[in-house]
C-alpha atoms as a PDB file:
ATOM      1  CA  MET A   1    -116.049 -51.389  -7.528  1.00  0.00           C
ATOM      2  CA  THR A   2    -115.615 -51.952  -3.342  1.00  0.00           C
ATOM      3  CA  LYS A   3    -114.296 -49.000  -1.219  1.00  0.00           C
ATOM      4  CA  THR A   4    -111.885 -50.118   1.463  1.00  0.00           C
ATOM      5  CA  LYS A   5    -111.972 -48.150   4.688  1.00  0.00           C
ATOM      6  CA  GLU A   6    -108.402 -47.033   5.675  1.00  0.00           C
ATOM      7  CA  LYS A   7    -107.546 -48.096   9.373  1.00  0.00           C
ATOM      8  CA  ARG A   8    -107.021 -45.734  11.803  1.00  0.00           C
ATOM      9  CA  VAL A   9    -104.782 -46.079  14.888  1.00  0.00           C
ATOM     10  CA  ALA A  10    -105.693 -45.046  18.636  1.00  0.00           C
ATOM     11  CA  VAL A  11    -103.770 -44.623  21.064  1.00  0.00           C
ATOM     12  CA  ILE A  12    -104.530 -45.740  24.746  1.00  0.00           C
ATOM     13  CA  SER A  13    -102.893 -44.471  27.681  1.00  0.00           C
ATOM     14  CA  PRO A  14    -101.525 -47.152  30.216  1.00  0.00           C
ATOM     15  CA  ASP A  15    -104.842 -46.705  32.204  1.00  0.00           C
ATOM     16  CA  GLY A  16    -106.869 -47.532  29.312  1.00  0.00           C
ATOM     17  CA  PHE A  17    -108.230 -44.244  28.069  1.00  0.00           C
ATOM     18  CA  GLU A  18    -107.608 -42.469  24.828  1.00  0.00           C
ATOM     19  CA  ILE A  19    -105.017 -39.631  25.009  1.00  0.00           C
ATOM     20  CA  GLU A  20    -106.866 -37.039  23.623  1.00  0.00           C
ATOM     21  CA  PHE A  21    -110.837 -36.124  24.150  1.00  0.00           C
ATOM     22  CA  GLU A  22    -110.667 -34.383  20.617  1.00  0.00           C
ATOM     23  CA  HIS A  23    -109.611 -37.312  18.706  1.00  0.00           C
ATOM     24  CA  SER A  24    -110.242 -40.880  19.007  1.00  0.00           C
ATOM     25  CA  SER A  25    -107.959 -42.026  16.655  1.00  0.00           C
ATOM     26  CA  TYR A  26    -105.548 -40.568  13.931  1.00  0.00           C
ATOM     27  CA  LYS A  27    -104.817 -41.270  10.246  1.00  0.00           C
ATOM     28  CA  ASN A  28    -101.930 -43.392  10.392  1.00  0.00           C
ATOM     29  CA  PHE A  29     -99.074 -44.749  12.728  1.00  0.00           C
ATOM     30  CA  ASP A  30     -97.001 -41.737  12.177  1.00  0.00           C
ATOM     31  CA  ALA A  31     -99.809 -39.168  13.118  1.00  0.00           C
ATOM     32  CA  ALA A  32    -100.553 -41.372  16.031  1.00  0.00           C
ATOM     33  CA  VAL A  33     -96.897 -41.288  17.241  1.00  0.00           C
ATOM     34  CA  LYS A  34     -96.746 -37.642  16.484  1.00  0.00           C
ATOM     35  CA  ALA A  35    -100.067 -36.947  19.183  1.00  0.00           C
ATOM     36  CA  PHE A  36     -98.330 -39.516  21.718  1.00  0.00           C
ATOM     37  CA  LYS A  37     -95.205 -37.414  21.961  1.00  0.00           C
ATOM     38  CA  GLU A  38     -97.473 -34.274  22.250  1.00  0.00           C
ATOM     39  CA  TRP A  39     -99.331 -35.643  24.735  1.00  0.00           C
ATOM     40  CA  ALA A  40     -96.280 -37.109  26.873  1.00  0.00           C
ATOM     41  CA  LYS A  41     -94.731 -33.173  26.681  1.00  0.00           C
ATOM     42  CA  ARG A  42     -97.480 -32.995  29.328  1.00  0.00           C
ATOM     43  CA  TYR A  43     -95.699 -34.909  31.936  1.00  0.00           C
ATOM     44  CA  LYS A  44     -92.245 -33.333  31.197  1.00  0.00           C
ATOM     45  CA  THR A  45     -92.244 -31.035  34.477  1.00  0.00           C
ATOM     46  CA  GLN A  46     -92.951 -33.355  36.755  1.00  0.00           C
ATOM     47  CA  GLY A  47     -90.999 -36.175  35.265  1.00  0.00           C
ATOM     48  CA  TYR A  48     -93.206 -39.478  35.123  1.00  0.00           C
ATOM     49  CA  TYR A  49     -96.738 -40.359  34.621  1.00  0.00           C
ATOM     50  CA  SER A  50     -98.778 -41.828  37.125  1.00  0.00           C
ATOM     51  CA  SER A  51    -100.596 -44.363  36.445  1.00  0.00           C
ATOM     52  CA  THR A  52    -103.236 -46.174  39.038  1.00  0.00           C
ATOM     53  CA  ALA A  53    -102.620 -49.724  37.425  1.00  0.00           C
ATOM     54  CA  HIS A  54     -98.779 -49.270  37.166  1.00  0.00           C
ATOM     55  CA  GLY A  55     -98.029 -46.665  39.392  1.00  0.00           C
ATOM     56  CA  ARG A  56     -95.087 -43.900  38.073  1.00  0.00           C
ATOM     57  CA  ILE A  57     -94.013 -44.660  34.833  1.00  0.00           C
ATOM     58  CA  ASP A  58     -90.502 -42.855  34.003  1.00  0.00           C
ATOM     59  CA  LEU A  59     -91.475 -40.812  30.408  1.00  0.00           C
ATOM     60  CA  ARG A  60     -88.286 -42.741  28.803  1.00  0.00           C
ATOM     61  CA  ASP A  61     -90.860 -46.244  29.042  1.00  0.00           C
ATOM     62  CA  LEU A  62     -94.140 -44.451  28.872  1.00  0.00           C
ATOM     63  CA  GLU A  63     -94.393 -45.145  25.056  1.00  0.00           C
ATOM     64  CA  ASP A  64     -94.116 -48.904  25.835  1.00  0.00           C
ATOM     65  CA  PHE A  65     -97.114 -48.668  28.461  1.00  0.00           C
ATOM     66  CA  CYS A  66     -99.238 -47.264  25.954  1.00  0.00           C
ATOM     67  CA  GLU A  67    -101.136 -49.244  23.514  1.00  0.00           C
ATOM     68  CA  PHE A  68    -101.205 -48.123  19.632  1.00  0.00           C
ATOM     69  CA  LYS A  69    -104.543 -50.109  18.286  1.00  0.00           C
ATOM     70  CA  GLU A  70    -105.622 -50.290  14.640  1.00  0.00           C
ATOM     71  CA  ILE A  71    -109.275 -49.860  14.196  1.00  0.00           C
END
């Protein structure tokens, strides 16, 4: 019997790096979305995410600028 490896999900910021240093990927899409929401809270006070590639990104649009990548 061949054991299939479960696909994990990485969350990549608008600037192309993983959103957390401690976790390079998450066990499923729901866990990745939860981690993304926690990460996005860091920017709530300033009201936007500052990206070198895209300038100021409104927090309501931040998820659209991130990549949820199956690995």
